[in-house]
Amino acid sequence: MFFGLTSGVIETPGRVYEHSLVDIDTLNIEARKSTYEVSAVSIRSFPDISEEYALMNCGASMGEGYGPMVISNMPMSEEEASEKTIAIPGFSTSAFLTLRLALGEVSVVEVPFDEILPGVILGKYDVGVIIHEGQLTWKGDGVHLVLDLGMWWNQTTGLPLPLGGNVVRKDLGEIVCREITRDVRASIRHALDNPEKALEFARQWGRGIDESTNEKFVSMYVNERTVDYGPEGREAIRLFLKKGQEIGLVRGDMDVRDIQFVGHDD
């Protein structure tokens, strides 16, 4: 998404961008401190920062019938998995909220996202929720799929699963927030129009996956939906957070119907 901005090919008069690579759970925590002017965050965490940040209409990572996966080190049913302690990539993540929506009250333990799949393989954890490229590589690792949370959400609601989004700090002012959103959208469009160069850039953080797996993973989460949420994407976010309110994981005083998407009317 940020190849165009980081490489300088997108003109941003008066604005300079510095690329800070941090895992999503840490970004969610830093957003509560208003650390960055612009940040990727989990949709599940947006209500906690909505006083300080506005949600962009671009930058979506959405599961179109796929998403975080519940895996185990031996074959087991969803009911059996729900009785285990499940390794999750952070309480602040959309993966955790989706897990709770799908399986109800479960025992969990926070684990860095890149340690969950190895931990399940080695038997350190019986069950884990995997995100990122593990969603594509797990079949060759001897683990078992319990539930694809993105598929579960899609079958339950008919909507894509909202996982991540981009936010911009409100204290920059409405005009600057719109300008920054246009910059980010232009960067995403540039990447989609120049996939070979953008994928080469993205491979720096591929954590050892091969070129074809990297390309498939990126295409799952950076696509036309990333340029513009669209009506379904915006509705998915509102429904996701509403259901989070119903189980007490999203603050109840937020009116999800009033969520504004910067750049929606551009």
C-alpha atoms as a PDB file:
ATOM      1  CA  MET A   1       0.000   0.000   0.000  1.00  0.00           C
ATOM      2  CA  PHE A   2       2.751   2.457   0.910  1.00  0.00           C
ATOM      3  CA  PHE A   3       5.235   1.671  -1.865  1.00  0.00           C
ATOM      4  CA  GLY A   4       4.334   4.820  -3.780  1.00  0.00           C
ATOM      5  CA  LEU A   5       4.784   7.061  -0.749  1.00  0.00           C
ATOM      6  CA  THR A   6       7.930   5.374   0.548  1.00  0.00           C
ATOM      7  CA  SER A   7       9.639   5.375  -2.857  1.00  0.00           C
ATOM      8  CA  GLY A   8       8.736   9.011  -3.495  1.00  0.00           C
ATOM      9  CA  VAL A   9       6.976   8.438  -6.819  1.00  0.00           C
ATOM     10  CA  ILE A  10       3.768   9.999  -5.466  1.00  0.00           C
ATOM     11  CA  GLU A  11       3.988  13.783  -5.319  1.00  0.00           C
ATOM     12  CA  THR A  12       2.974  15.088  -1.878  1.00  0.00           C
ATOM     13  CA  PRO A  13       3.628  18.841  -1.877  1.00  0.00           C
ATOM     14  CA  GLY A  14       4.292  20.070   1.650  1.00  0.00           C
ATOM     15  CA  ARG A  15       4.027  16.602   3.155  1.00  0.00           C
ATOM     16  CA  VAL A  16       6.870  14.151   3.854  1.00  0.00           C
ATOM     17  CA  TYR A  17       6.204  10.536   4.832  1.00  0.00           C
ATOM     18  CA  GLU A  18       8.433   8.277   6.906  1.00  0.00           C
ATOM     19  CA  HIS A  19       7.681   4.549   6.754  1.00  0.00           C
ATOM     20  CA  SER A  20       7.678   2.921  10.223  1.00  0.00           C
ATOM     21  CA  LEU A  21       7.255  -0.846  10.095  1.00  0.00           C
ATOM     22  CA  VAL A  22       5.569  -2.148  13.271  1.00  0.00           C
ATOM     23  CA  ASP A  23       3.329  -5.156  13.925  1.00  0.00           C
ATOM     24  CA  ILE A  24      -0.403  -4.451  14.083  1.00  0.00           C
ATOM     25  CA  ASP A  25      -0.889  -5.074  17.797  1.00  0.00           C
ATOM     26  CA  THR A  26       1.855  -2.563  18.596  1.00  0.00           C
ATOM     27  CA  LEU A  27       0.323  -0.062  16.156  1.00  0.00           C
ATOM     28  CA  ASN A  28      -3.016  -0.427  17.943  1.00  0.00           C
ATOM     29  CA  ILE A  29      -1.309   0.337  21.259  1.00  0.00           C
ATOM     30  CA  GLU A  30       0.635   3.292  19.833  1.00  0.00           C
ATOM     31  CA  ALA A  31      -2.552   4.717  18.329  1.00  0.00           C
ATOM     32  CA  ARG A  32      -3.988   5.038  21.838  1.00  0.00           C
ATOM     33  CA  LYS A  33      -1.057   7.364  22.543  1.00  0.00           C
ATOM     34  CA  SER A  34      -1.617   9.271  19.260  1.00  0.00           C
ATOM     35  CA  THR A  35       1.992   8.422  18.364  1.00  0.00           C
ATOM     36  CA  TYR A  36       1.649   8.555  14.574  1.00  0.00           C
ATOM     37  CA  GLU A  37      -0.155  11.084  12.385  1.00  0.00           C
ATOM     38  CA  VAL A  38      -1.139   8.259  10.035  1.00  0.00           C
ATOM     39  CA  SER A  39      -1.362   4.608  10.973  1.00  0.00           C
ATOM     40  CA  ALA A  40      -2.697   1.233  10.036  1.00  0.00           C
ATOM     41  CA  VAL A  41      -4.845  -0.200  12.840  1.00  0.00           C
ATOM     42  CA  SER A  42      -7.162  -3.091  13.508  1.00  0.00           C
ATOM     43  CA  ILE A  43     -10.805  -2.218  12.888  1.00  0.00           C
ATOM     44  CA  ARG A  44     -11.556  -3.803  16.266  1.00  0.00           C
ATOM     45  CA  SER A  45      -9.394  -1.070  17.886  1.00  0.00           C
ATOM     46  CA  PHE A  46     -10.835   1.911  16.022  1.00  0.00           C
ATOM     47  CA  PRO A  47     -13.546   2.746  18.606  1.00  0.00           C
ATOM     48  CA  ASP A  48     -10.833   3.159  21.266  1.00  0.00           C
ATOM     49  CA  ILE A  49      -9.100   5.870  19.230  1.00  0.00           C
ATOM     50  CA  SER A  50     -12.052   7.409  17.380  1.00  0.00           C
ATOM     51  CA  GLU A  51     -11.859  10.643  19.389  1.00  0.00           C
ATOM     52  CA  GLU A  52      -8.320  11.263  18.132  1.00  0.00           C
ATOM     53  CA  TYR A  53      -8.358   9.580  14.729  1.00  0.00           C
ATOM     54  CA  ALA A  54     -10.622   9.457  11.672  1.00  0.00           C
ATOM     55  CA  LEU A  55     -10.948   6.345   9.524  1.00  0.00           C
ATOM     56  CA  MET A  56      -9.871   6.697   5.908  1.00  0.00           C
ATOM     57  CA  ASN A  57     -12.077   5.384   3.118  1.00  0.00           C
ATOM     58  CA  CYS A  58      -8.985   3.698   1.674  1.00  0.00           C
ATOM     59  CA  GLY A  59      -6.475   1.232   3.079  1.00  0.00           C
ATOM     60  CA  ALA A  60      -8.829  -1.622   3.872  1.00  0.00           C
ATOM     61  CA  SER A  61      -7.599  -5.129   4.556  1.00  0.00           C
ATOM     62  CA  MET A  62     -10.725  -7.234   4.196  1.00  0.00           C
ATOM     63  CA  GLY A  63     -11.258 -10.963   3.992  1.00  0.00           C
ATOM     64  CA  GLU A  64     -13.490 -11.775   1.050  1.00  0.00           C
ATOM     65  CA  GLY A  65     -14.546 -15.211   2.294  1.00  0.00           C
ATOM     66  CA  TYR A  66     -11.197 -15.833   3.987  1.00  0.00           C
ATOM     67  CA  GLY A  67      -9.354 -14.427   6.980  1.00  0.00           C
ATOM     68  CA  PRO A  68      -7.587 -15.364  10.216  1.00  0.00           C
ATOM     69  CA  MET A  69      -7.628 -19.100  10.848  1.00  0.00           C
ATOM     70  CA  VAL A  70      -8.060 -21.171  13.977  1.00  0.00           C
ATOM     71  CA  ILE A  71      -5.592 -24.060  13.756  1.00  0.00           C
ATOM     72  CA  SER A  72      -4.698 -26.934  16.068  1.00  0.00           C
ATOM     73  CA  ASN A  73      -1.895 -29.460  16.493  1.00  0.00           C
ATOM     74  CA  MET A  74      -4.318 -32.385  16.157  1.00  0.00           C
ATOM     75  CA  PRO A  75      -7.715 -32.821  14.506  1.00  0.00           C
ATOM     76  CA  MET A  76     -10.463 -31.310  16.653  1.00  0.00           C
ATOM     77  CA  SER A  77     -13.914 -29.788  16.356  1.00  0.00           C
ATOM     78  CA  GLU A  78     -14.786 -26.158  17.014  1.00  0.00           C
ATOM     79  CA  GLU A  79     -16.327 -27.225  20.330  1.00  0.00           C
ATOM     80  CA  GLU A  80     -13.167 -29.071  21.350  1.00  0.00           C
ATOM     81  CA  ALA A  81     -11.004 -26.107  20.331  1.00  0.00           C
ATOM     82  CA  SER A  82     -13.144 -23.720  22.360  1.00  0.00           C
ATOM     83  CA  GLU A  83     -12.287 -25.717  25.491  1.00  0.00           C
ATOM     84  CA  LYS A  84      -8.539 -25.168  24.973  1.00  0.00           C
ATOM     85  CA  THR A  85      -6.439 -22.092  25.698  1.00  0.00           C
ATOM     86  CA  ILE A  86      -6.078 -20.391  22.328  1.00  0.00           C
ATOM     87  CA  ALA A  87      -3.007 -18.385  21.291  1.00  0.00           C
ATOM     88  CA  ILE A  88      -4.072 -15.050  19.784  1.00  0.00           C
ATOM     89  CA  PRO A  89      -2.057 -12.244  18.128  1.00  0.00           C
ATOM     90  CA  GLY A  90      -3.306  -9.614  20.596  1.00  0.00           C
ATOM     91  CA  PHE A  91      -6.496  -8.550  22.370  1.00  0.00           C
ATOM     92  CA  SER A  92      -6.553  -5.412  20.235  1.00  0.00           C
ATOM     93  CA  THR A  93      -6.775  -7.294  16.931  1.00  0.00           C
ATOM     94  CA  SER A  94      -9.765  -7.928  14.699  1.00  0.00           C
ATOM     95  CA  ALA A  95      -8.755 -11.591  14.737  1.00  0.00           C
ATOM     96  CA  PHE A  96      -9.482 -11.768  18.473  1.00  0.00           C
ATOM     97  CA  LEU A  97     -12.884 -10.093  18.142  1.00  0.00           C
ATOM     98  CA  THR A  98     -13.835 -12.430  15.295  1.00  0.00           C
ATOM     99  CA  LEU A  99     -12.730 -15.430  17.349  1.00  0.00           C
ATOM    100  CA  ARG A 100     -14.989 -14.323  20.204  1.00  0.00           C
ATOM    101  CA  LEU A 101     -17.909 -13.723  17.847  1.00  0.00           C
ATOM    102  CA  ALA A 102     -17.486 -17.187  16.360  1.00  0.00           C
ATOM    103  CA  LEU A 103     -16.672 -19.309  19.434  1.00  0.00           C
ATOM    104  CA  GLY A 104     -17.984 -17.231  22.336  1.00  0.00           C
ATOM    105  CA  GLU A 105     -16.166 -17.023  25.679  1.00  0.00           C
ATOM    106  CA  VAL A 106     -12.824 -18.791  25.327  1.00  0.00           C
ATOM    107  CA  SER A 107      -9.572 -18.897  27.249  1.00  0.00           C
ATOM    108  CA  VAL A 108      -6.795 -17.099  25.357  1.00  0.00           C
ATOM    109  CA  VAL A 109      -3.152 -16.147  25.681  1.00  0.00           C
ATOM    110  CA  GLU A 110      -1.484 -13.266  23.822  1.00  0.00           C
ATOM    111  CA  VAL A 111       1.441 -14.358  21.648  1.00  0.00           C
ATOM    112  CA  PRO A 112       3.406 -12.407  18.990  1.00  0.00           C
ATOM    113  CA  PHE A 113       1.706 -13.233  15.688  1.00  0.00           C
ATOM    114  CA  ASP A 114       4.802 -14.814  14.131  1.00  0.00           C
ATOM    115  CA  GLU A 115       5.251 -17.201  17.068  1.00  0.00           C
ATOM    116  CA  ILE A 116       1.758 -18.717  16.966  1.00  0.00           C
ATOM    117  CA  LEU A 117       2.126 -21.103  14.017  1.00  0.00           C
ATOM    118  CA  PRO A 118       5.553 -22.399  15.186  1.00  0.00           C
ATOM    119  CA  GLY A 119       4.143 -22.738  18.710  1.00  0.00           C
ATOM    120  CA  VAL A 120       1.242 -24.882  17.522  1.00  0.00           C
ATOM    121  CA  ILE A 121       3.558 -26.985  15.343  1.00  0.00           C
ATOM    122  CA  LEU A 122       5.824 -27.676  18.333  1.00  0.00           C
ATOM    123  CA  GLY A 123       2.911 -28.372  20.683  1.00  0.00           C
ATOM    124  CA  LYS A 124       3.508 -25.324  22.869  1.00  0.00           C
ATOM    125  CA  TYR A 125      -0.085 -24.311  22.122  1.00  0.00           C
ATOM    126  CA  ASP A 126      -2.896 -26.727  21.282  1.00  0.00           C
ATOM    127  CA  VAL A 127      -4.824 -24.105  19.316  1.00  0.00           C
ATOM    128  CA  GLY A 128      -3.894 -20.757  17.776  1.00  0.00           C
ATOM    129  CA  VAL A 129      -5.250 -18.009  15.558  1.00  0.00           C
ATOM    130  CA  ILE A 130      -2.928 -17.320  12.632  1.00  0.00           C
ATOM    131  CA  ILE A 131      -2.817 -14.153  10.534  1.00  0.00           C
ATOM    132  CA  HIS A 132      -0.624 -12.877   7.689  1.00  0.00           C
ATOM    133  CA  GLU A 133       1.106 -15.398   5.417  1.00  0.00           C
ATOM    134  CA  GLY A 134       0.453 -18.298   7.794  1.00  0.00           C
ATOM    135  CA  GLN A 135      -3.024 -18.364   6.272  1.00  0.00           C
ATOM    136  CA  LEU A 136      -1.395 -19.715   3.098  1.00  0.00           C
ATOM    137  CA  THR A 137       1.451 -21.831   4.460  1.00  0.00           C
ATOM    138  CA  TRP A 138      -0.224 -23.807   7.278  1.00  0.00           C
ATOM    139  CA  LYS A 139      -1.141 -26.810   5.096  1.00  0.00           C
ATOM    140  CA  GLY A 140       2.480 -27.767   4.683  1.00  0.00           C
ATOM    141  CA  ASP A 141       3.256 -27.462   8.384  1.00  0.00           C
ATOM    142  CA  GLY A 142       1.372 -30.470   9.728  1.00  0.00           C
ATOM    143  CA  VAL A 143      -1.306 -28.517  11.578  1.00  0.00           C
ATOM    144  CA  HIS A 144      -5.075 -28.794  11.246  1.00  0.00           C
ATOM    145  CA  LEU A 145      -7.706 -26.235  10.329  1.00  0.00           C
ATOM    146  CA  VAL A 146     -10.453 -25.813  12.902  1.00  0.00           C
ATOM    147  CA  LEU A 147     -12.191 -22.749  11.457  1.00  0.00           C
ATOM    148  CA  ASP A 148     -11.539 -20.089   8.827  1.00  0.00           C
ATOM    149  CA  LEU A 149     -12.901 -17.010  10.602  1.00  0.00           C
ATOM    150  CA  GLY A 150     -13.228 -15.019   7.380  1.00  0.00           C
ATOM    151  CA  MET A 151     -15.321 -17.743   5.782  1.00  0.00           C
ATOM    152  CA  TRP A 152     -17.430 -18.021   8.940  1.00  0.00           C
ATOM    153  CA  TRP A 153     -18.114 -14.266   8.947  1.00  0.00           C
ATOM    154  CA  ASN A 154     -18.956 -14.199   5.240  1.00  0.00           C
ATOM    155  CA  GLN A 155     -21.341 -17.137   5.529  1.00  0.00           C
ATOM    156  CA  THR A 156     -22.953 -15.569   8.612  1.00  0.00           C
ATOM    157  CA  THR A 157     -23.354 -12.010   7.315  1.00  0.00           C
ATOM    158  CA  GLY A 158     -22.837 -12.091   3.554  1.00  0.00           C
ATOM    159  CA  LEU A 159     -20.203  -9.375   3.976  1.00  0.00           C
ATOM    160  CA  PRO A 160     -16.395  -9.252   3.827  1.00  0.00           C
ATOM    161  CA  LEU A 161     -14.547  -9.455   7.151  1.00  0.00           C
ATOM    162  CA  PRO A 162     -13.071  -6.051   8.110  1.00  0.00           C
ATOM    163  CA  LEU A 163      -9.621  -6.624   9.562  1.00  0.00           C
ATOM    164  CA  GLY A 164      -7.458  -3.537   9.149  1.00  0.00           C
ATOM    165  CA  GLY A 165      -7.783   0.062   8.048  1.00  0.00           C
ATOM    166  CA  ASN A 166      -5.869   3.320   7.891  1.00  0.00           C
ATOM    167  CA  VAL A 167      -6.485   6.233  10.233  1.00  0.00           C
ATOM    168  CA  VAL A 168      -5.368   9.856  10.244  1.00  0.00           C
ATOM    169  CA  ARG A 169      -5.082  12.088  13.301  1.00  0.00           C
ATOM    170  CA  LYS A 170      -7.897  14.629  13.554  1.00  0.00           C
ATOM    171  CA  ASP A 171      -5.764  17.383  15.081  1.00  0.00           C
ATOM    172  CA  LEU A 172      -4.127  17.866  11.670  1.00  0.00           C
ATOM    173  CA  GLY A 173      -7.358  19.495  10.542  1.00  0.00           C
ATOM    174  CA  GLU A 174      -9.985  18.398   8.052  1.00  0.00           C
ATOM    175  CA  ILE A 175      -8.215  19.786   4.974  1.00  0.00           C
ATOM    176  CA  VAL A 176      -4.899  18.076   5.768  1.00  0.00           C
ATOM    177  CA  CYS A 177      -6.675  14.823   6.663  1.00  0.00           C
ATOM    178  CA  ARG A 178      -8.274  14.829   3.222  1.00  0.00           C
ATOM    179  CA  GLU A 179      -4.950  15.607   1.526  1.00  0.00           C
ATOM    180  CA  ILE A 180      -3.225  12.767   3.366  1.00  0.00           C
ATOM    181  CA  THR A 181      -6.052  10.400   2.463  1.00  0.00           C
ATOM    182  CA  ARG A 182      -5.666  11.337  -1.197  1.00  0.00           C
ATOM    183  CA  ASP A 183      -1.922  10.655  -0.927  1.00  0.00           C
ATOM    184  CA  VAL A 184      -2.514   7.202   0.563  1.00  0.00           C
ATOM    185  CA  ARG A 185      -5.174   6.369  -2.012  1.00  0.00           C
ATOM    186  CA  ALA A 186      -2.830   7.446  -4.819  1.00  0.00           C
ATOM    187  CA  SER A 187      -0.116   5.210  -3.342  1.00  0.00           C
ATOM    188  CA  ILE A 188      -2.470   2.228  -3.266  1.00  0.00           C
ATOM    189  CA  ARG A 189      -3.586   2.894  -6.843  1.00  0.00           C
ATOM    190  CA  HIS A 190       0.053   3.183  -7.943  1.00  0.00           C
ATOM    191  CA  ALA A 191       0.824  -0.206  -6.401  1.00  0.00           C
ATOM    192  CA  LEU A 192      -2.126  -1.864  -8.135  1.00  0.00           C
ATOM    193  CA  ASP A 193      -1.085  -0.287 -11.447  1.00  0.00           C
ATOM    194  CA  ASN A 194       2.577  -1.300 -10.960  1.00  0.00           C
ATOM    195  CA  PRO A 195       2.315  -4.690  -9.235  1.00  0.00           C
ATOM    196  CA  GLU A 196       5.777  -6.017 -10.093  1.00  0.00           C
ATOM    197  CA  LYS A 197       7.646  -3.091  -8.504  1.00  0.00           C
ATOM    198  CA  ALA A 198       5.259  -2.946  -5.546  1.00  0.00           C
ATOM    199  CA  LEU A 199       5.591  -6.687  -4.899  1.00  0.00           C
ATOM    200  CA  GLU A 200       9.372  -6.451  -5.069  1.00  0.00           C
ATOM    201  CA  PHE A 201       9.153  -3.743  -2.396  1.00  0.00           C
ATOM    202  CA  ALA A 202       6.774  -5.848  -0.268  1.00  0.00           C
ATOM    203  CA  ARG A 203       8.986  -8.942  -0.452  1.00  0.00           C
ATOM    204  CA  GLN A 204      11.405  -7.293   1.971  1.00  0.00           C
ATOM    205  CA  TRP A 205       8.961  -8.204   4.739  1.00  0.00           C
ATOM    206  CA  GLY A 206       7.796 -11.587   3.425  1.00  0.00           C
ATOM    207  CA  ARG A 207       9.314 -13.549   6.341  1.00  0.00           C
ATOM    208  CA  GLY A 208      10.837 -16.193   4.093  1.00  0.00           C
ATOM    209  CA  ILE A 209       7.819 -17.028   1.906  1.00  0.00           C
ATOM    210  CA  ASP A 210       8.368 -17.688  -1.792  1.00  0.00           C
ATOM    211  CA  GLU A 211       7.522 -15.226  -4.530  1.00  0.00           C
ATOM    212  CA  SER A 212       4.218 -16.809  -5.595  1.00  0.00           C
ATOM    213  CA  THR A 213       2.962 -17.054  -2.006  1.00  0.00           C
ATOM    214  CA  ASN A 214       3.918 -13.422  -1.424  1.00  0.00           C
ATOM    215  CA  GLU A 215       2.020 -12.353  -4.530  1.00  0.00           C
ATOM    216  CA  LYS A 216      -1.072 -14.351  -3.579  1.00  0.00           C
ATOM    217  CA  PHE A 217      -1.096 -13.029  -0.022  1.00  0.00           C
ATOM    218  CA  VAL A 218      -0.732  -9.397  -1.100  1.00  0.00           C
ATOM    219  CA  SER A 219      -3.536  -9.746  -3.661  1.00  0.00           C
ATOM    220  CA  MET A 220      -5.827 -11.108  -0.937  1.00  0.00           C
ATOM    221  CA  TYR A 221      -5.579  -7.925   1.099  1.00  0.00           C
ATOM    222  CA  VAL A 222      -4.557  -5.166  -1.337  1.00  0.00           C
ATOM    223  CA  ASN A 223      -7.119  -4.810  -4.113  1.00  0.00           C
ATOM    224  CA  GLU A 224      -9.941  -2.568  -5.332  1.00  0.00           C
ATOM    225  CA  ARG A 225     -11.565  -2.802  -1.902  1.00  0.00           C
ATOM    226  CA  THR A 226      -8.380  -1.203  -0.553  1.00  0.00           C
ATOM    227  CA  VAL A 227      -8.811   1.801  -2.852  1.00  0.00           C
ATOM    228  CA  ASP A 228     -12.401   2.304  -1.674  1.00  0.00           C
ATOM    229  CA  TYR A 229     -14.269   0.314   0.984  1.00  0.00           C
ATOM    230  CA  GLY A 230     -17.432   0.544  -1.071  1.00  0.00           C
ATOM    231  CA  PRO A 231     -20.935   0.312   0.440  1.00  0.00           C
ATOM    232  CA  GLU A 232     -20.460  -3.344   1.492  1.00  0.00           C
ATOM    233  CA  GLY A 233     -17.128  -2.623   3.142  1.00  0.00           C
ATOM    234  CA  ARG A 234     -18.462   0.321   5.107  1.00  0.00           C
ATOM    235  CA  GLU A 235     -21.518  -1.690   6.172  1.00  0.00           C
ATOM    236  CA  ALA A 236     -19.245  -4.576   7.207  1.00  0.00           C
ATOM    237  CA  ILE A 237     -17.295  -2.285   9.546  1.00  0.00           C
ATOM    238  CA  ARG A 238     -20.448  -0.954  11.177  1.00  0.00           C
ATOM    239  CA  LEU A 239     -21.873  -4.460  11.646  1.00  0.00           C
ATOM    240  CA  PHE A 240     -18.569  -5.863  12.928  1.00  0.00           C
ATOM    241  CA  LEU A 241     -18.299  -3.181  15.598  1.00  0.00           C
ATOM    242  CA  LYS A 242     -21.999  -3.436  16.462  1.00  0.00           C
ATOM    243  CA  LYS A 243     -21.618  -7.153  17.108  1.00  0.00           C
ATOM    244  CA  GLY A 244     -18.536  -6.350  19.172  1.00  0.00           C
ATOM    245  CA  GLN A 245     -20.664  -4.038  21.296  1.00  0.00           C
ATOM    246  CA  GLU A 246     -23.211  -6.805  21.815  1.00  0.00           C
ATOM    247  CA  ILE A 247     -20.586  -9.027  23.463  1.00  0.00           C
ATOM    248  CA  GLY A 248     -18.929  -6.203  25.402  1.00  0.00           C
ATOM    249  CA  LEU A 249     -15.653  -5.987  23.460  1.00  0.00           C
ATOM    250  CA  VAL A 250     -16.397  -2.631  21.818  1.00  0.00           C
ATOM    251  CA  ARG A 251     -17.358   0.436  23.832  1.00  0.00           C
ATOM    252  CA  GLY A 252     -21.124   0.741  23.865  1.00  0.00           C
ATOM    253  CA  ASP A 253     -21.364   4.535  23.789  1.00  0.00           C
ATOM    254  CA  MET A 254     -20.158   4.719  20.186  1.00  0.00           C
ATOM    255  CA  ASP A 255     -22.868   5.067  17.527  1.00  0.00           C
ATOM    256  CA  VAL A 256     -21.452   2.927  14.732  1.00  0.00           C
ATOM    257  CA  ARG A 257     -23.947   4.433  12.285  1.00  0.00           C
ATOM    258  CA  ASP A 258     -22.149   7.766  12.628  1.00  0.00           C
ATOM    259  CA  ILE A 259     -18.709   6.503  11.559  1.00  0.00           C
ATOM    260  CA  GLN A 260     -17.352   8.847   8.908  1.00  0.00           C
ATOM    261  CA  PHE A 261     -14.895   7.712   6.245  1.00  0.00           C
ATOM    262  CA  VAL A 262     -12.441  10.429   5.189  1.00  0.00           C
ATOM    263  CA  GLY A 263     -12.394  10.732   1.404  1.00  0.00           C
ATOM    264  CA  HIS A 264     -15.660   8.889   0.845  1.00  0.00           C
ATOM    265  CA  ASP A 265     -17.098  11.885  -0.986  1.00  0.00           C
ATOM    266  CA  ASP A 266     -13.959  12.676  -3.015  1.00  0.00           C
END
